[in-house]
Amino acid sequence: MKKALYFILLALLICNASFSQDSPSGYNDQLSASGSMLTAKKASRNTIKIGGTPYINEKFLPIKISGQEDKDFQGRYNGYNGDMEVLDVSKGTVFVLNRYLTNYDVEFIGLNKIYRCYKFKSDDGKPINGFFIKLSENNGIGLLKKENVKFFKEVKAVSTYDKARDAKYKRGNDQYFIKIHDNNAVELSRNKKEIAQLFPENSKNILGYIKSNKLNTKIEADLIKLVTYISGL
């Protein structure tokens, strides 16, 4: 019994050490009830007064996190910096979920919104991790939505003809991504021909499905129907 316990503890230590090498600094490890690693860091506080909000939902709302369903958590998503902030109601503390872990879901209860981290290419072409809403995911093909908030700097009036503008956050357009098997998520074109070209062996069937069902790939509901169809081919 003692020997078995020794090997279990040794395995956990090796797992933790291995994970910490890949995690960015500033994160503190927490072991979830399911045994999977959930990592977090303290949320930063912005003391500068800025108009608007960087959050998709300003208030903390009830959430469930995979492997932590027994915890009383509330969350809000920062669409500007990509952080998922979580309030541990029982402790009254706020932390930020680690985007470098991709094995857990964050479900906003009652909103039909499930977030998960995926790797994708940033605007400068570098692979990074970020939270996406899962719209459709079957047979290794997923349609994802990335919510965005833009920041506009303060504009000072340099003459009597200019109008000063305060710094502010403003909700940006959502971006749609597609994840195909083990590849990184890539932004999905809204052009039907370019979508079909992602699956050359089924491009004719895809275009035929779009035409026969009168789908508009600029409409989210139609995009979900299309990707669900593609995942079944």
C-alpha atoms as a PDB file:
ATOM      1  CA  MET A   1       0.000   0.000   0.000  1.00  0.00           C
ATOM      2  CA  LYS A   2       2.827   2.392   0.941  1.00  0.00           C
ATOM      3  CA  LYS A   3       4.683   1.486  -2.235  1.00  0.00           C
ATOM      4  CA  ALA A   4       1.620   2.200  -4.399  1.00  0.00           C
ATOM      5  CA  LEU A   5       1.060   5.554  -2.660  1.00  0.00           C
ATOM      6  CA  TYR A   6       4.715   6.464  -3.267  1.00  0.00           C
ATOM      7  CA  PHE A   7       4.384   5.890  -7.022  1.00  0.00           C
ATOM      8  CA  ILE A   8       1.141   7.920  -7.193  1.00  0.00           C
ATOM      9  CA  LEU A   9       2.788  10.877  -5.452  1.00  0.00           C
ATOM     10  CA  LEU A  10       5.855  10.573  -7.669  1.00  0.00           C
ATOM     11  CA  ALA A  11       3.684  10.607 -10.820  1.00  0.00           C
ATOM     12  CA  LEU A  12       1.893  13.758  -9.640  1.00  0.00           C
ATOM     13  CA  LEU A  13       5.190  15.514  -8.956  1.00  0.00           C
ATOM     14  CA  ILE A  14       6.518  14.617 -12.405  1.00  0.00           C
ATOM     15  CA  CYS A  15       3.287  15.826 -14.017  1.00  0.00           C
ATOM     16  CA  ASN A  16       3.439  19.146 -12.152  1.00  0.00           C
ATOM     17  CA  ALA A  17       7.102  19.679 -12.986  1.00  0.00           C
ATOM     18  CA  SER A  18       6.537  18.927 -16.655  1.00  0.00           C
ATOM     19  CA  PHE A  19       3.579  21.295 -16.853  1.00  0.00           C
ATOM     20  CA  SER A  20       5.356  24.158 -15.108  1.00  0.00           C
ATOM     21  CA  GLN A  21       8.027  24.179 -17.832  1.00  0.00           C
ATOM     22  CA  ASP A  22       5.385  25.032 -20.446  1.00  0.00           C
ATOM     23  CA  SER A  23       3.381  27.511 -18.376  1.00  0.00           C
ATOM     24  CA  PRO A  24       4.109  31.231 -18.515  1.00  0.00           C
ATOM     25  CA  SER A  25       5.474  32.808 -15.361  1.00  0.00           C
ATOM     26  CA  GLY A  26       3.037  34.291 -12.853  1.00  0.00           C
ATOM     27  CA  TYR A  27       0.652  31.353 -12.844  1.00  0.00           C
ATOM     28  CA  ASN A  28      -0.136  29.258  -9.772  1.00  0.00           C
ATOM     29  CA  ASP A  29      -1.052  25.611 -10.173  1.00  0.00           C
ATOM     30  CA  GLN A  30      -4.310  24.252  -8.788  1.00  0.00           C
ATOM     31  CA  LEU A  31      -5.371  20.619  -9.008  1.00  0.00           C
ATOM     32  CA  SER A  32      -9.011  20.186  -9.980  1.00  0.00           C
ATOM     33  CA  ALA A  33     -11.335  17.569  -8.531  1.00  0.00           C
ATOM     34  CA  SER A  34     -11.024  15.503 -11.716  1.00  0.00           C
ATOM     35  CA  GLY A  35      -7.232  15.412 -11.413  1.00  0.00           C
ATOM     36  CA  SER A  36      -6.616  17.651 -14.415  1.00  0.00           C
ATOM     37  CA  MET A  37      -4.503  20.761 -13.979  1.00  0.00           C
ATOM     38  CA  LEU A  38      -6.300  24.105 -13.924  1.00  0.00           C
ATOM     39  CA  THR A  39      -3.937  27.049 -13.737  1.00  0.00           C
ATOM     40  CA  ALA A  40      -4.695  30.630 -12.862  1.00  0.00           C
ATOM     41  CA  LYS A  41      -3.153  33.985 -12.054  1.00  0.00           C
ATOM     42  CA  LYS A  42      -4.529  36.992 -10.240  1.00  0.00           C
ATOM     43  CA  ALA A  43      -6.543  39.395 -12.361  1.00  0.00           C
ATOM     44  CA  SER A  44      -4.960  42.788 -12.912  1.00  0.00           C
ATOM     45  CA  ARG A  45      -6.867  45.941 -12.057  1.00  0.00           C
ATOM     46  CA  ASN A  46      -6.964  48.965 -14.343  1.00  0.00           C
ATOM     47  CA  THR A  47      -7.132  52.206 -12.353  1.00  0.00           C
ATOM     48  CA  ILE A  48      -7.367  54.493 -15.411  1.00  0.00           C
ATOM     49  CA  LYS A  49     -10.872  55.742 -16.137  1.00  0.00           C
ATOM     50  CA  ILE A  50     -11.886  54.758 -19.654  1.00  0.00           C
ATOM     51  CA  GLY A  51     -15.284  54.976 -21.315  1.00  0.00           C
ATOM     52  CA  GLY A  52     -17.185  51.827 -22.229  1.00  0.00           C
ATOM     53  CA  THR A  53     -16.153  48.406 -20.985  1.00  0.00           C
ATOM     54  CA  PRO A  54     -13.609  45.787 -22.073  1.00  0.00           C
ATOM     55  CA  TYR A  55     -15.999  43.035 -20.940  1.00  0.00           C
ATOM     56  CA  ILE A  56     -18.542  41.185 -23.050  1.00  0.00           C
ATOM     57  CA  ASN A  57     -20.604  40.896 -19.873  1.00  0.00           C
ATOM     58  CA  GLU A  58     -19.733  43.591 -17.332  1.00  0.00           C
ATOM     59  CA  LYS A  59     -21.153  41.705 -14.347  1.00  0.00           C
ATOM     60  CA  PHE A  60     -19.877  38.361 -13.112  1.00  0.00           C
ATOM     61  CA  LEU A  61     -22.359  35.654 -14.146  1.00  0.00           C
ATOM     62  CA  PRO A  62     -22.740  32.038 -12.949  1.00  0.00           C
ATOM     63  CA  ILE A  63     -20.447  29.600 -14.766  1.00  0.00           C
ATOM     64  CA  LYS A  64     -19.357  25.978 -14.676  1.00  0.00           C
ATOM     65  CA  ILE A  65     -15.778  24.909 -15.371  1.00  0.00           C
ATOM     66  CA  SER A  66     -14.997  21.352 -16.459  1.00  0.00           C
ATOM     67  CA  GLY A  67     -13.755  19.336 -13.512  1.00  0.00           C
ATOM     68  CA  GLN A  68     -14.790  22.086 -11.089  1.00  0.00           C
ATOM     69  CA  GLU A  69     -18.569  21.717 -11.276  1.00  0.00           C
ATOM     70  CA  ASP A  70     -18.888  21.610  -7.504  1.00  0.00           C
ATOM     71  CA  LYS A  71     -17.380  25.101  -7.112  1.00  0.00           C
ATOM     72  CA  ASP A  72     -19.444  28.279  -6.846  1.00  0.00           C
ATOM     73  CA  PHE A  73     -17.857  30.250  -9.674  1.00  0.00           C
ATOM     74  CA  GLN A  74     -18.928  33.332 -11.609  1.00  0.00           C
ATOM     75  CA  GLY A  75     -17.176  34.674 -14.679  1.00  0.00           C
ATOM     76  CA  ARG A  76     -16.847  37.436 -17.207  1.00  0.00           C
ATOM     77  CA  TYR A  77     -14.899  37.573 -20.457  1.00  0.00           C
ATOM     78  CA  ASN A  78     -12.579  40.460 -21.278  1.00  0.00           C
ATOM     79  CA  GLY A  79     -12.940  40.882 -25.025  1.00  0.00           C
ATOM     80  CA  TYR A  80     -10.066  43.361 -25.187  1.00  0.00           C
ATOM     81  CA  ASN A  81      -7.197  41.386 -23.643  1.00  0.00           C
ATOM     82  CA  GLY A  82      -8.745  37.912 -23.974  1.00  0.00           C
ATOM     83  CA  ASP A  83      -8.814  37.089 -20.260  1.00  0.00           C
ATOM     84  CA  MET A  84     -11.522  34.948 -18.687  1.00  0.00           C
ATOM     85  CA  GLU A  85     -11.908  36.336 -15.165  1.00  0.00           C
ATOM     86  CA  VAL A  86     -13.411  34.053 -12.546  1.00  0.00           C
ATOM     87  CA  LEU A  87     -14.845  35.014  -9.161  1.00  0.00           C
ATOM     88  CA  ASP A  88     -14.619  32.299  -6.530  1.00  0.00           C
ATOM     89  CA  VAL A  89     -17.767  33.244  -4.618  1.00  0.00           C
ATOM     90  CA  SER A  90     -16.877  31.209  -1.527  1.00  0.00           C
ATOM     91  CA  LYS A  91     -13.496  32.947  -1.142  1.00  0.00           C
ATOM     92  CA  GLY A  92     -14.339  36.315  -2.663  1.00  0.00           C
ATOM     93  CA  THR A  93     -11.221  36.192  -4.852  1.00  0.00           C
ATOM     94  CA  VAL A  94     -10.844  36.780  -8.592  1.00  0.00           C
ATOM     95  CA  PHE A  95      -8.413  34.917 -10.838  1.00  0.00           C
ATOM     96  CA  VAL A  96      -7.757  34.582 -14.549  1.00  0.00           C
ATOM     97  CA  LEU A  97      -7.898  31.226 -16.313  1.00  0.00           C
ATOM     98  CA  ASN A  98      -4.812  30.048 -18.130  1.00  0.00           C
ATOM     99  CA  ARG A  99      -5.206  30.168 -21.931  1.00  0.00           C
ATOM    100  CA  TYR A 100      -2.366  27.682 -22.359  1.00  0.00           C
ATOM    101  CA  LEU A 101      -4.619  24.865 -21.159  1.00  0.00           C
ATOM    102  CA  THR A 102      -7.093  23.562 -23.730  1.00  0.00           C
ATOM    103  CA  ASN A 103      -8.714  20.677 -21.889  1.00  0.00           C
ATOM    104  CA  TYR A 104     -11.563  22.439 -20.105  1.00  0.00           C
ATOM    105  CA  ASP A 105     -14.785  24.259 -20.974  1.00  0.00           C
ATOM    106  CA  VAL A 106     -16.267  27.362 -19.375  1.00  0.00           C
ATOM    107  CA  GLU A 107     -20.063  27.323 -19.601  1.00  0.00           C
ATOM    108  CA  PHE A 108     -22.093  30.427 -18.851  1.00  0.00           C
ATOM    109  CA  ILE A 109     -25.213  28.986 -17.241  1.00  0.00           C
ATOM    110  CA  GLY A 110     -28.443  29.958 -18.957  1.00  0.00           C
ATOM    111  CA  LEU A 111     -26.728  31.807 -21.832  1.00  0.00           C
ATOM    112  CA  ASN A 112     -25.988  28.823 -24.086  1.00  0.00           C
ATOM    113  CA  LYS A 113     -22.358  29.978 -24.322  1.00  0.00           C
ATOM    114  CA  ILE A 114     -19.465  27.563 -23.907  1.00  0.00           C
ATOM    115  CA  TYR A 115     -15.911  28.858 -24.137  1.00  0.00           C
ATOM    116  CA  ARG A 116     -12.744  26.862 -24.713  1.00  0.00           C
ATOM    117  CA  CYS A 117      -9.157  27.789 -25.478  1.00  0.00           C
ATOM    118  CA  TYR A 118      -7.741  27.056 -28.911  1.00  0.00           C
ATOM    119  CA  LYS A 119      -4.460  27.884 -30.584  1.00  0.00           C
ATOM    120  CA  PHE A 120      -4.696  30.299 -33.520  1.00  0.00           C
ATOM    121  CA  LYS A 121      -2.565  32.792 -35.411  1.00  0.00           C
ATOM    122  CA  SER A 122      -2.549  36.391 -34.224  1.00  0.00           C
ATOM    123  CA  ASP A 123      -2.628  39.368 -36.567  1.00  0.00           C
ATOM    124  CA  ASP A 124       1.170  39.336 -36.720  1.00  0.00           C
ATOM    125  CA  GLY A 125       1.191  35.647 -37.678  1.00  0.00           C
ATOM    126  CA  LYS A 126       2.367  34.266 -34.351  1.00  0.00           C
ATOM    127  CA  PRO A 127       0.550  31.249 -32.826  1.00  0.00           C
ATOM    128  CA  ILE A 128      -1.207  32.174 -29.578  1.00  0.00           C
ATOM    129  CA  ASN A 129      -3.962  30.722 -27.413  1.00  0.00           C
ATOM    130  CA  GLY A 130      -7.311  32.351 -26.864  1.00  0.00           C
ATOM    131  CA  PHE A 131     -10.874  31.780 -25.708  1.00  0.00           C
ATOM    132  CA  PHE A 132     -13.514  31.055 -28.344  1.00  0.00           C
ATOM    133  CA  ILE A 133     -17.214  30.266 -28.175  1.00  0.00           C
ATOM    134  CA  LYS A 134     -17.895  26.790 -29.531  1.00  0.00           C
ATOM    135  CA  LEU A 135     -20.706  27.091 -32.075  1.00  0.00           C
ATOM    136  CA  SER A 136     -20.391  23.655 -33.647  1.00  0.00           C
ATOM    137  CA  GLU A 137     -17.943  20.801 -33.108  1.00  0.00           C
ATOM    138  CA  ASN A 138     -18.319  17.361 -34.662  1.00  0.00           C
ATOM    139  CA  ASN A 139     -15.916  14.753 -36.041  1.00  0.00           C
ATOM    140  CA  GLY A 140     -12.897  16.960 -35.475  1.00  0.00           C
ATOM    141  CA  ILE A 141     -14.285  20.006 -37.288  1.00  0.00           C
ATOM    142  CA  GLY A 142     -15.313  22.996 -35.191  1.00  0.00           C
ATOM    143  CA  LEU A 143     -16.834  26.389 -35.861  1.00  0.00           C
ATOM    144  CA  LEU A 144     -15.642  28.950 -33.347  1.00  0.00           C
ATOM    145  CA  LYS A 145     -16.491  32.563 -32.586  1.00  0.00           C
ATOM    146  CA  LYS A 146     -14.051  35.078 -31.164  1.00  0.00           C
ATOM    147  CA  GLU A 147     -15.590  38.082 -29.448  1.00  0.00           C
ATOM    148  CA  ASN A 148     -13.679  41.350 -29.649  1.00  0.00           C
ATOM    149  CA  VAL A 149     -13.543  44.707 -27.913  1.00  0.00           C
ATOM    150  CA  LYS A 150     -11.492  47.533 -29.411  1.00  0.00           C
ATOM    151  CA  PHE A 151      -9.655  50.253 -27.501  1.00  0.00           C
ATOM    152  CA  PHE A 152      -9.547  53.815 -28.797  1.00  0.00           C
ATOM    153  CA  LYS A 153      -6.974  56.154 -27.294  1.00  0.00           C
ATOM    154  CA  GLU A 154      -7.753  59.599 -25.975  1.00  0.00           C
ATOM    155  CA  VAL A 155      -7.698  62.305 -28.625  1.00  0.00           C
ATOM    156  CA  LYS A 156      -6.793  65.779 -27.430  1.00  0.00           C
ATOM    157  CA  ALA A 157      -7.933  68.906 -29.220  1.00  0.00           C
ATOM    158  CA  VAL A 158      -4.923  70.694 -30.681  1.00  0.00           C
ATOM    159  CA  SER A 159      -6.959  73.649 -31.921  1.00  0.00           C
ATOM    160  CA  THR A 160     -10.388  75.221 -31.484  1.00  0.00           C
ATOM    161  CA  TYR A 161     -11.513  73.325 -34.599  1.00  0.00           C
ATOM    162  CA  ASP A 162     -10.706  69.929 -33.135  1.00  0.00           C
ATOM    163  CA  LYS A 163     -12.945  67.907 -30.871  1.00  0.00           C
ATOM    164  CA  ALA A 164     -11.394  66.103 -27.924  1.00  0.00           C
ATOM    165  CA  ARG A 165     -12.413  62.490 -27.369  1.00  0.00           C
ATOM    166  CA  ASP A 166     -11.929  60.452 -24.224  1.00  0.00           C
ATOM    167  CA  ALA A 167     -10.307  57.033 -24.330  1.00  0.00           C
ATOM    168  CA  LYS A 168     -12.924  54.311 -24.640  1.00  0.00           C
ATOM    169  CA  TYR A 169     -13.621  50.659 -25.238  1.00  0.00           C
ATOM    170  CA  LYS A 170     -16.035  49.735 -28.017  1.00  0.00           C
ATOM    171  CA  ARG A 171     -17.476  46.368 -28.997  1.00  0.00           C
ATOM    172  CA  GLY A 172     -15.850  45.128 -32.188  1.00  0.00           C
ATOM    173  CA  ASN A 173     -17.068  42.711 -34.822  1.00  0.00           C
ATOM    174  CA  ASP A 174     -17.023  39.027 -33.987  1.00  0.00           C
ATOM    175  CA  GLN A 175     -14.601  36.828 -35.915  1.00  0.00           C
ATOM    176  CA  TYR A 176     -15.375  33.289 -37.028  1.00  0.00           C
ATOM    177  CA  PHE A 177     -12.734  30.587 -37.059  1.00  0.00           C
ATOM    178  CA  ILE A 178     -12.670  26.979 -38.164  1.00  0.00           C
ATOM    179  CA  LYS A 179     -10.623  24.227 -36.557  1.00  0.00           C
ATOM    180  CA  ILE A 180      -9.928  21.166 -38.668  1.00  0.00           C
ATOM    181  CA  HIS A 181      -8.708  18.170 -36.672  1.00  0.00           C
ATOM    182  CA  ASP A 182      -5.349  18.850 -34.977  1.00  0.00           C
ATOM    183  CA  ASN A 183      -4.567  22.005 -36.941  1.00  0.00           C
ATOM    184  CA  ASN A 184      -4.628  25.471 -35.394  1.00  0.00           C
ATOM    185  CA  ALA A 185      -7.857  27.408 -35.703  1.00  0.00           C
ATOM    186  CA  VAL A 186      -7.864  29.752 -38.720  1.00  0.00           C
ATOM    187  CA  GLU A 187     -10.149  32.660 -39.476  1.00  0.00           C
ATOM    188  CA  LEU A 188     -12.969  31.525 -41.707  1.00  0.00           C
ATOM    189  CA  SER A 189     -13.690  33.425 -44.894  1.00  0.00           C
ATOM    190  CA  ARG A 190     -17.337  34.352 -45.378  1.00  0.00           C
ATOM    191  CA  ASN A 191     -16.987  33.697 -49.103  1.00  0.00           C
ATOM    192  CA  LYS A 192     -18.732  30.422 -49.992  1.00  0.00           C
ATOM    193  CA  LYS A 193     -16.159  29.447 -52.643  1.00  0.00           C
ATOM    194  CA  GLU A 194     -13.247  30.011 -50.283  1.00  0.00           C
ATOM    195  CA  ILE A 195     -14.973  27.926 -47.607  1.00  0.00           C
ATOM    196  CA  ALA A 196     -15.473  25.090 -50.102  1.00  0.00           C
ATOM    197  CA  GLN A 197     -11.793  25.267 -51.081  1.00  0.00           C
ATOM    198  CA  LEU A 198     -10.831  24.273 -47.542  1.00  0.00           C
ATOM    199  CA  PHE A 199     -12.283  20.838 -48.355  1.00  0.00           C
ATOM    200  CA  PRO A 200     -11.297  20.262 -52.006  1.00  0.00           C
ATOM    201  CA  GLU A 201     -12.520  16.658 -52.076  1.00  0.00           C
ATOM    202  CA  ASN A 202     -16.013  17.810 -51.129  1.00  0.00           C
ATOM    203  CA  SER A 203     -16.074  21.317 -52.595  1.00  0.00           C
ATOM    204  CA  LYS A 204     -18.818  20.543 -55.142  1.00  0.00           C
ATOM    205  CA  ASN A 205     -21.038  18.980 -52.494  1.00  0.00           C
ATOM    206  CA  ILE A 206     -20.503  21.965 -50.202  1.00  0.00           C
ATOM    207  CA  LEU A 207     -21.377  24.508 -52.880  1.00  0.00           C
ATOM    208  CA  GLY A 208     -24.402  22.408 -53.837  1.00  0.00           C
ATOM    209  CA  TYR A 209     -25.566  22.324 -50.216  1.00  0.00           C
ATOM    210  CA  ILE A 210     -25.219  26.094 -49.905  1.00  0.00           C
ATOM    211  CA  LYS A 211     -27.209  26.648 -53.090  1.00  0.00           C
ATOM    212  CA  SER A 212     -29.977  24.123 -52.439  1.00  0.00           C
ATOM    213  CA  ASN A 213     -30.503  25.391 -48.876  1.00  0.00           C
ATOM    214  CA  LYS A 214     -30.138  29.065 -49.830  1.00  0.00           C
ATOM    215  CA  LEU A 215     -27.538  29.635 -47.131  1.00  0.00           C
ATOM    216  CA  ASN A 216     -25.976  33.031 -46.521  1.00  0.00           C
ATOM    217  CA  THR A 217     -22.468  32.483 -45.129  1.00  0.00           C
ATOM    218  CA  LYS A 218     -22.533  35.955 -43.585  1.00  0.00           C
ATOM    219  CA  ILE A 219     -25.315  34.837 -41.216  1.00  0.00           C
ATOM    220  CA  GLU A 220     -24.156  32.931 -38.118  1.00  0.00           C
ATOM    221  CA  ALA A 221     -27.065  30.464 -38.057  1.00  0.00           C
ATOM    222  CA  ASP A 222     -26.433  29.535 -41.700  1.00  0.00           C
ATOM    223  CA  LEU A 223     -22.711  29.207 -41.035  1.00  0.00           C
ATOM    224  CA  ILE A 224     -23.435  26.761 -38.207  1.00  0.00           C
ATOM    225  CA  LYS A 225     -25.659  24.702 -40.525  1.00  0.00           C
ATOM    226  CA  LEU A 226     -22.939  24.646 -43.163  1.00  0.00           C
ATOM    227  CA  VAL A 227     -20.098  23.583 -40.872  1.00  0.00           C
ATOM    228  CA  THR A 228     -22.332  20.954 -39.252  1.00  0.00           C
ATOM    229  CA  TYR A 229     -23.005  19.567 -42.730  1.00  0.00           C
ATOM    230  CA  ILE A 230     -19.302  19.631 -43.632  1.00  0.00           C
ATOM    231  CA  SER A 231     -18.372  17.756 -40.442  1.00  0.00           C
ATOM    232  CA  GLY A 232     -20.690  14.950 -41.518  1.00  0.00           C
ATOM    233  CA  LEU A 233     -19.116  14.418 -44.937  1.00  0.00           C
END
